[in-house]
Structure formats: structure tokens, C-alpha cells
Amino acid sequence: MGKHSLKRESKPRLLPALGFVFVASLVLVSAVDPYSGQIASAQTVQVFDGPEEEFQQLEIVEIDNDEDFTRGGFELLTGGDALFINSAPYPVPNTAKAFALEMVNAKGWDYNQYSCLVKLWERESNWRWNAENKSSGAYGIPQSLPGSKMASAGADWRTNPETQIKWGIGYIKGRYGKPCSALAHSDRRGWY
């Protein structure tokens, strides 16, 4: 019998090392601003917003007090005096959100406050005028508790989103000063 030599296949050792270097460089490029060599600033981050292929700039919003933003996907910045929120898309004309933006502007609040209001009421009622919490009895877009409180803004409070928004804006102004403060309270307590 002759000797049979089995040829050992050598595994390329360079390929895993190159793969590691490639992945590591992608991570570093994401974390380091290539123009300055510093860590990328959160103020320059852009968020892809789905099928419309639009980008929305993240906004920095000043808040009045030190709040804990554990709900809603917010990121607390240093000092507890600002947070990042996604700018709400500009509302479609003749909708409840367009009316709310008019009310926000009439109060002298900026677009950041509108973005906080959109986030707050998406969470509360998803902007449904007939939203009702079966356990608490809260009703409408702002989830008034009880819903009948909104009668102070109009007799049609059960069915008119504009009446509910007027009441909700007044409630927020009187109790929290502005929508971002109401959102901060909602994040901390689960209600506003």
C-alpha cells in the first residue's frame, strides 16, 4: 500500500481580520464626525421618517424643570434642561392637528410646543375626538376627566374636535404653562 497524503486545506486567516476591521470602521464612522474627528453631535442627527423619504431634524426643546423622560422615546440631555423630540410633520389643512397648530401659534408658542402637543395627544387618544377610557371615563382628544369639563369650551364638546382642542390647550396653559411641560409630566407620572 502506498502512502496517501491528504492535502490539508489552509483556511484564509486574513478574511476574518479584514471583516473585523471593516465592521469596526463602520461603527467608528457612525460615532465620529468625519469632518472634525470628534464624537458626532446629537444636534446634527437626522431621522428617516418612512415611506415619504423625508428627513426630520431633531429639535432641542428647553423645559422649565428637571423631569425624567423614561417614556416616549425622548433622550434627556445634560443638566436636565432640554430634551430631543422629533418635529411633528406639518399638519394637513382643515384637520384637528392643523387647528391645534393655529391654537399653539395664537398662544405664542413655537413649533416645538406643537410637536410636544402632537406627541402627548397621540399617546392619550391618538387624536380621536371620541376616544374614551373605559376605566377612568376620560374622554376626547385631550382625555378630559371627566369629559364634561370640556363643556366650558362649548356645548358640542362630545363631537367637536375643535371644542376639545380649545379646552385642552386652555387646560395645558393653566396647569403646566405649555405642552412640553405637560408632556414631561406625562412621561414622569403616566398622566397629565
C-alpha atoms as a PDB file:
ATOM      1  CA  MET A   1       0.000   0.000   0.000  1.00  0.00           C
ATOM      2  CA  GLY A   2       1.200   3.339  -0.934  1.00  0.00           C
ATOM      3  CA  LYS A   3       1.124   6.329   1.263  1.00  0.00           C
ATOM      4  CA  HIS A   4      -1.717   8.593   0.622  1.00  0.00           C
ATOM      5  CA  SER A   5      -1.139  12.093   1.587  1.00  0.00           C
ATOM      6  CA  LEU A   6      -4.101  14.133   2.486  1.00  0.00           C
ATOM      7  CA  LYS A   7      -3.706  17.688   1.482  1.00  0.00           C
ATOM      8  CA  ARG A   8      -4.783  19.983   4.271  1.00  0.00           C
ATOM      9  CA  GLU A   9      -6.714  22.935   3.062  1.00  0.00           C
ATOM     10  CA  SER A  10      -5.446  26.071   4.599  1.00  0.00           C
ATOM     11  CA  LYS A  11      -8.112  28.421   5.843  1.00  0.00           C
ATOM     12  CA  PRO A  12      -7.582  32.008   4.980  1.00  0.00           C
ATOM     13  CA  ARG A  13      -6.724  33.769   8.216  1.00  0.00           C
ATOM     14  CA  LEU A  14      -6.793  37.183   6.685  1.00  0.00           C
ATOM     15  CA  LEU A  15     -10.513  37.186   5.861  1.00  0.00           C
ATOM     16  CA  PRO A  16     -11.857  37.288   9.472  1.00  0.00           C
ATOM     17  CA  ALA A  17      -9.383  40.034  10.344  1.00  0.00           C
ATOM     18  CA  LEU A  18     -10.458  42.117   7.358  1.00  0.00           C
ATOM     19  CA  GLY A  19     -14.118  41.575   8.277  1.00  0.00           C
ATOM     20  CA  PHE A  20     -13.475  42.819  11.802  1.00  0.00           C
ATOM     21  CA  VAL A  21     -11.648  45.921  10.545  1.00  0.00           C
ATOM     22  CA  PHE A  22     -14.476  46.674   8.097  1.00  0.00           C
ATOM     23  CA  VAL A  23     -17.225  46.408  10.741  1.00  0.00           C
ATOM     24  CA  ALA A  24     -15.212  48.399  13.277  1.00  0.00           C
ATOM     25  CA  SER A  25     -14.655  51.187  10.751  1.00  0.00           C
ATOM     26  CA  LEU A  26     -18.389  51.379  10.023  1.00  0.00           C
ATOM     27  CA  VAL A  27     -19.135  51.733  13.724  1.00  0.00           C
ATOM     28  CA  LEU A  28     -16.496  54.422  14.173  1.00  0.00           C
ATOM     29  CA  VAL A  29     -17.687  56.401  11.150  1.00  0.00           C
ATOM     30  CA  SER A  30     -21.182  56.380  12.666  1.00  0.00           C
ATOM     31  CA  ALA A  31     -19.957  57.621  16.040  1.00  0.00           C
ATOM     32  CA  VAL A  32     -17.297  60.101  14.967  1.00  0.00           C
ATOM     33  CA  ASP A  33     -17.952  63.226  12.940  1.00  0.00           C
ATOM     34  CA  PRO A  34     -15.650  62.731   9.922  1.00  0.00           C
ATOM     35  CA  TYR A  35     -15.241  66.475   9.442  1.00  0.00           C
ATOM     36  CA  SER A  36     -13.990  67.274  12.913  1.00  0.00           C
ATOM     37  CA  GLY A  37     -12.758  63.989  14.357  1.00  0.00           C
ATOM     38  CA  GLN A  38     -14.996  64.486  17.399  1.00  0.00           C
ATOM     39  CA  ILE A  39     -17.950  62.475  18.574  1.00  0.00           C
ATOM     40  CA  ALA A  40     -20.931  63.247  16.332  1.00  0.00           C
ATOM     41  CA  SER A  41     -23.256  65.862  17.798  1.00  0.00           C
ATOM     42  CA  ALA A  42     -26.809  64.751  18.513  1.00  0.00           C
ATOM     43  CA  GLN A  43     -27.959  68.120  17.232  1.00  0.00           C
ATOM     44  CA  THR A  44     -26.976  67.084  13.712  1.00  0.00           C
ATOM     45  CA  VAL A  45     -28.719  63.706  13.706  1.00  0.00           C
ATOM     46  CA  GLN A  46     -31.414  63.279  11.075  1.00  0.00           C
ATOM     47  CA  VAL A  47     -34.203  60.739  11.356  1.00  0.00           C
ATOM     48  CA  PHE A  48     -35.636  58.855   8.382  1.00  0.00           C
ATOM     49  CA  ASP A  49     -39.402  59.042   8.550  1.00  0.00           C
ATOM     50  CA  GLY A  50     -40.568  56.150   6.420  1.00  0.00           C
ATOM     51  CA  PRO A  51     -42.141  55.875   3.002  1.00  0.00           C
ATOM     52  CA  GLU A  52     -42.301  59.595   2.203  1.00  0.00           C
ATOM     53  CA  GLU A  53     -38.492  59.505   2.121  1.00  0.00           C
ATOM     54  CA  GLU A  54     -38.279  62.711   4.100  1.00  0.00           C
ATOM     55  CA  PHE A  55     -35.881  63.519   6.874  1.00  0.00           C
ATOM     56  CA  GLN A  56     -36.880  65.338  10.016  1.00  0.00           C
ATOM     57  CA  GLN A  57     -34.420  67.298  12.085  1.00  0.00           C
ATOM     58  CA  LEU A  58     -34.484  66.528  15.764  1.00  0.00           C
ATOM     59  CA  GLU A  59     -35.362  69.585  17.816  1.00  0.00           C
ATOM     60  CA  ILE A  60     -33.959  70.653  21.156  1.00  0.00           C
ATOM     61  CA  VAL A  61     -36.662  71.882  23.491  1.00  0.00           C
ATOM     62  CA  GLU A  62     -35.993  73.760  26.696  1.00  0.00           C
ATOM     63  CA  ILE A  63     -38.054  72.664  29.690  1.00  0.00           C
ATOM     64  CA  ASP A  64     -38.671  74.519  32.895  1.00  0.00           C
ATOM     65  CA  ASN A  65     -37.819  71.861  35.437  1.00  0.00           C
ATOM     66  CA  ASP A  66     -35.788  68.719  35.839  1.00  0.00           C
ATOM     67  CA  GLU A  67     -38.006  65.905  34.525  1.00  0.00           C
ATOM     68  CA  ASP A  68     -37.382  62.229  33.909  1.00  0.00           C
ATOM     69  CA  PHE A  69     -38.064  61.230  30.298  1.00  0.00           C
ATOM     70  CA  THR A  70     -38.411  57.487  30.556  1.00  0.00           C
ATOM     71  CA  ARG A  71     -41.408  57.143  28.219  1.00  0.00           C
ATOM     72  CA  GLY A  72     -41.977  58.251  24.680  1.00  0.00           C
ATOM     73  CA  GLY A  73     -38.528  57.733  23.224  1.00  0.00           C
ATOM     74  CA  PHE A  74     -37.030  61.012  24.407  1.00  0.00           C
ATOM     75  CA  GLU A  75     -33.399  61.466  25.262  1.00  0.00           C
ATOM     76  CA  LEU A  76     -32.560  63.603  28.271  1.00  0.00           C
ATOM     77  CA  LEU A  77     -29.620  65.943  27.751  1.00  0.00           C
ATOM     78  CA  THR A  78     -27.116  67.198  30.262  1.00  0.00           C
ATOM     79  CA  GLY A  79     -28.374  69.317  33.120  1.00  0.00           C
ATOM     80  CA  GLY A  80     -31.965  68.173  32.774  1.00  0.00           C
ATOM     81  CA  ASP A  81     -32.870  71.380  30.966  1.00  0.00           C
ATOM     82  CA  ALA A  82     -33.512  70.132  27.426  1.00  0.00           C
ATOM     83  CA  LEU A  83     -34.779  67.109  25.529  1.00  0.00           C
ATOM     84  CA  PHE A  84     -34.848  65.886  21.968  1.00  0.00           C
ATOM     85  CA  ILE A  85     -38.183  65.481  20.270  1.00  0.00           C
ATOM     86  CA  ASN A  86     -38.983  64.643  16.693  1.00  0.00           C
ATOM     87  CA  SER A  87     -40.537  67.616  14.950  1.00  0.00           C
ATOM     88  CA  ALA A  88     -44.139  66.802  14.185  1.00  0.00           C
ATOM     89  CA  PRO A  89     -44.918  66.767  10.477  1.00  0.00           C
ATOM     90  CA  TYR A  90     -46.687  69.901   9.321  1.00  0.00           C
ATOM     91  CA  PRO A  91     -50.411  69.133   9.608  1.00  0.00           C
ATOM     92  CA  VAL A  92     -52.747  68.597   6.684  1.00  0.00           C
ATOM     93  CA  PRO A  93     -55.013  71.665   6.294  1.00  0.00           C
ATOM     94  CA  ASN A  94     -58.521  71.505   7.775  1.00  0.00           C
ATOM     95  CA  THR A  95     -57.673  68.765  10.267  1.00  0.00           C
ATOM     96  CA  ALA A  96     -57.707  68.667  14.051  1.00  0.00           C
ATOM     97  CA  LYS A  97     -53.902  68.923  14.094  1.00  0.00           C
ATOM     98  CA  ALA A  98     -54.000  71.994  11.813  1.00  0.00           C
ATOM     99  CA  PHE A  99     -56.476  73.633  14.206  1.00  0.00           C
ATOM    100  CA  ALA A 100     -54.229  72.726  17.133  1.00  0.00           C
ATOM    101  CA  LEU A 101     -51.257  74.359  15.388  1.00  0.00           C
ATOM    102  CA  GLU A 102     -53.333  77.538  14.949  1.00  0.00           C
ATOM    103  CA  MET A 103     -54.130  77.482  18.673  1.00  0.00           C
ATOM    104  CA  VAL A 104     -50.473  76.889  19.580  1.00  0.00           C
ATOM    105  CA  ASN A 105     -49.446  79.834  17.392  1.00  0.00           C
ATOM    106  CA  ALA A 106     -52.172  82.017  18.937  1.00  0.00           C
ATOM    107  CA  LYS A 107     -50.662  81.306  22.387  1.00  0.00           C
ATOM    108  CA  GLY A 108     -47.281  82.493  21.120  1.00  0.00           C
ATOM    109  CA  TRP A 109     -45.729  79.047  21.486  1.00  0.00           C
ATOM    110  CA  ASP A 110     -43.185  77.791  18.960  1.00  0.00           C
ATOM    111  CA  TYR A 111     -43.320  74.714  16.742  1.00  0.00           C
ATOM    112  CA  ASN A 112     -41.503  72.656  19.375  1.00  0.00           C
ATOM    113  CA  GLN A 113     -44.504  73.115  21.658  1.00  0.00           C
ATOM    114  CA  TYR A 114     -46.764  71.907  18.855  1.00  0.00           C
ATOM    115  CA  SER A 115     -44.540  68.832  18.447  1.00  0.00           C
ATOM    116  CA  CYS A 116     -44.873  68.097  22.179  1.00  0.00           C
ATOM    117  CA  LEU A 117     -48.659  68.522  21.940  1.00  0.00           C
ATOM    118  CA  VAL A 118     -48.826  66.111  18.999  1.00  0.00           C
ATOM    119  CA  LYS A 119     -46.800  63.510  20.935  1.00  0.00           C
ATOM    120  CA  LEU A 120     -48.882  63.986  24.081  1.00  0.00           C
ATOM    121  CA  TRP A 121     -52.255  63.636  22.383  1.00  0.00           C
ATOM    122  CA  GLU A 122     -51.109  60.776  20.157  1.00  0.00           C
ATOM    123  CA  ARG A 123     -50.341  58.964  23.381  1.00  0.00           C
ATOM    124  CA  GLU A 124     -53.576  59.974  25.100  1.00  0.00           C
ATOM    125  CA  SER A 125     -56.168  59.476  22.337  1.00  0.00           C
ATOM    126  CA  ASN A 126     -54.379  59.148  19.004  1.00  0.00           C
ATOM    127  CA  TRP A 127     -56.216  62.408  18.181  1.00  0.00           C
ATOM    128  CA  ARG A 128     -59.633  60.692  18.178  1.00  0.00           C
ATOM    129  CA  TRP A 129     -62.432  63.042  19.263  1.00  0.00           C
ATOM    130  CA  ASN A 130     -64.480  60.073  20.516  1.00  0.00           C
ATOM    131  CA  ALA A 131     -61.696  58.305  22.431  1.00  0.00           C
ATOM    132  CA  GLU A 132     -62.982  57.095  25.770  1.00  0.00           C
ATOM    133  CA  ASN A 133     -61.072  55.429  28.573  1.00  0.00           C
ATOM    134  CA  LYS A 134     -63.460  52.787  29.884  1.00  0.00           C
ATOM    135  CA  SER A 135     -61.788  52.525  33.277  1.00  0.00           C
ATOM    136  CA  SER A 136     -61.372  56.222  34.123  1.00  0.00           C
ATOM    137  CA  GLY A 137     -64.035  57.875  31.982  1.00  0.00           C
ATOM    138  CA  ALA A 138     -61.542  60.266  30.357  1.00  0.00           C
ATOM    139  CA  TYR A 139     -62.865  61.454  27.003  1.00  0.00           C
ATOM    140  CA  GLY A 140     -61.856  63.102  23.750  1.00  0.00           C
ATOM    141  CA  ILE A 141     -58.604  64.221  22.191  1.00  0.00           C
ATOM    142  CA  PRO A 142     -57.168  65.683  25.422  1.00  0.00           C
ATOM    143  CA  GLN A 143     -58.681  62.881  27.564  1.00  0.00           C
ATOM    144  CA  SER A 144     -60.552  65.239  29.860  1.00  0.00           C
ATOM    145  CA  LEU A 145     -61.533  63.643  33.164  1.00  0.00           C
ATOM    146  CA  PRO A 146     -64.454  63.835  33.372  1.00  0.00           C
ATOM    147  CA  GLY A 147     -65.235  64.629  29.759  1.00  0.00           C
ATOM    148  CA  SER A 148     -67.975  67.028  30.794  1.00  0.00           C
ATOM    149  CA  LYS A 149     -65.301  69.536  31.890  1.00  0.00           C
ATOM    150  CA  MET A 150     -64.943  70.378  28.199  1.00  0.00           C
ATOM    151  CA  ALA A 151     -68.462  71.871  28.215  1.00  0.00           C
ATOM    152  CA  SER A 152     -66.793  75.083  29.398  1.00  0.00           C
ATOM    153  CA  ALA A 153     -65.342  75.378  25.854  1.00  0.00           C
ATOM    154  CA  GLY A 154     -68.621  74.577  24.075  1.00  0.00           C
ATOM    155  CA  ALA A 155     -71.833  72.577  24.265  1.00  0.00           C
ATOM    156  CA  ASP A 156     -70.653  70.372  21.380  1.00  0.00           C
ATOM    157  CA  TRP A 157     -67.688  69.010  23.386  1.00  0.00           C
ATOM    158  CA  ARG A 158     -68.698  65.363  22.769  1.00  0.00           C
ATOM    159  CA  THR A 159     -68.428  65.583  18.979  1.00  0.00           C
ATOM    160  CA  ASN A 160     -66.392  68.646  18.018  1.00  0.00           C
ATOM    161  CA  PRO A 161     -62.599  68.214  17.938  1.00  0.00           C
ATOM    162  CA  GLU A 162     -62.089  71.991  17.829  1.00  0.00           C
ATOM    163  CA  THR A 163     -64.003  72.435  21.087  1.00  0.00           C
ATOM    164  CA  GLN A 164     -61.931  69.663  22.674  1.00  0.00           C
ATOM    165  CA  ILE A 165     -58.675  71.195  21.426  1.00  0.00           C
ATOM    166  CA  LYS A 166     -59.645  74.658  22.727  1.00  0.00           C
ATOM    167  CA  TRP A 167     -60.366  73.161  26.131  1.00  0.00           C
ATOM    168  CA  GLY A 168     -57.205  71.025  26.085  1.00  0.00           C
ATOM    169  CA  ILE A 169     -54.952  73.952  25.171  1.00  0.00           C
ATOM    170  CA  GLY A 170     -56.530  76.036  27.943  1.00  0.00           C
ATOM    171  CA  TYR A 171     -56.078  73.207  30.439  1.00  0.00           C
ATOM    172  CA  ILE A 172     -52.407  72.767  29.497  1.00  0.00           C
ATOM    173  CA  LYS A 173     -51.755  76.528  29.646  1.00  0.00           C
ATOM    174  CA  GLY A 174     -53.401  76.835  33.065  1.00  0.00           C
ATOM    175  CA  ARG A 175     -51.881  73.767  34.676  1.00  0.00           C
ATOM    176  CA  TYR A 176     -48.463  73.317  33.007  1.00  0.00           C
ATOM    177  CA  GLY A 177     -47.766  76.558  31.149  1.00  0.00           C
ATOM    178  CA  LYS A 178     -47.004  74.866  27.837  1.00  0.00           C
ATOM    179  CA  PRO A 179     -47.302  71.491  26.061  1.00  0.00           C
ATOM    180  CA  CYS A 180     -43.708  70.338  26.587  1.00  0.00           C
ATOM    181  CA  SER A 181     -44.145  70.710  30.349  1.00  0.00           C
ATOM    182  CA  ALA A 182     -47.381  68.694  30.155  1.00  0.00           C
ATOM    183  CA  LEU A 183     -45.560  66.024  28.143  1.00  0.00           C
ATOM    184  CA  ALA A 184     -42.762  65.965  30.716  1.00  0.00           C
ATOM    185  CA  HIS A 185     -45.322  65.418  33.480  1.00  0.00           C
ATOM    186  CA  SER A 186     -46.997  62.679  31.445  1.00  0.00           C
ATOM    187  CA  ASP A 187     -43.639  60.976  30.946  1.00  0.00           C
ATOM    188  CA  ARG A 188     -42.925  61.051  34.664  1.00  0.00           C
ATOM    189  CA  ARG A 189     -46.369  60.197  36.030  1.00  0.00           C
ATOM    190  CA  GLY A 190     -48.204  58.453  33.176  1.00  0.00           C
ATOM    191  CA  TRP A 191     -50.903  61.138  33.100  1.00  0.00           C
ATOM    192  CA  TYR A 192     -51.142  64.904  32.781  1.00  0.00           C
END
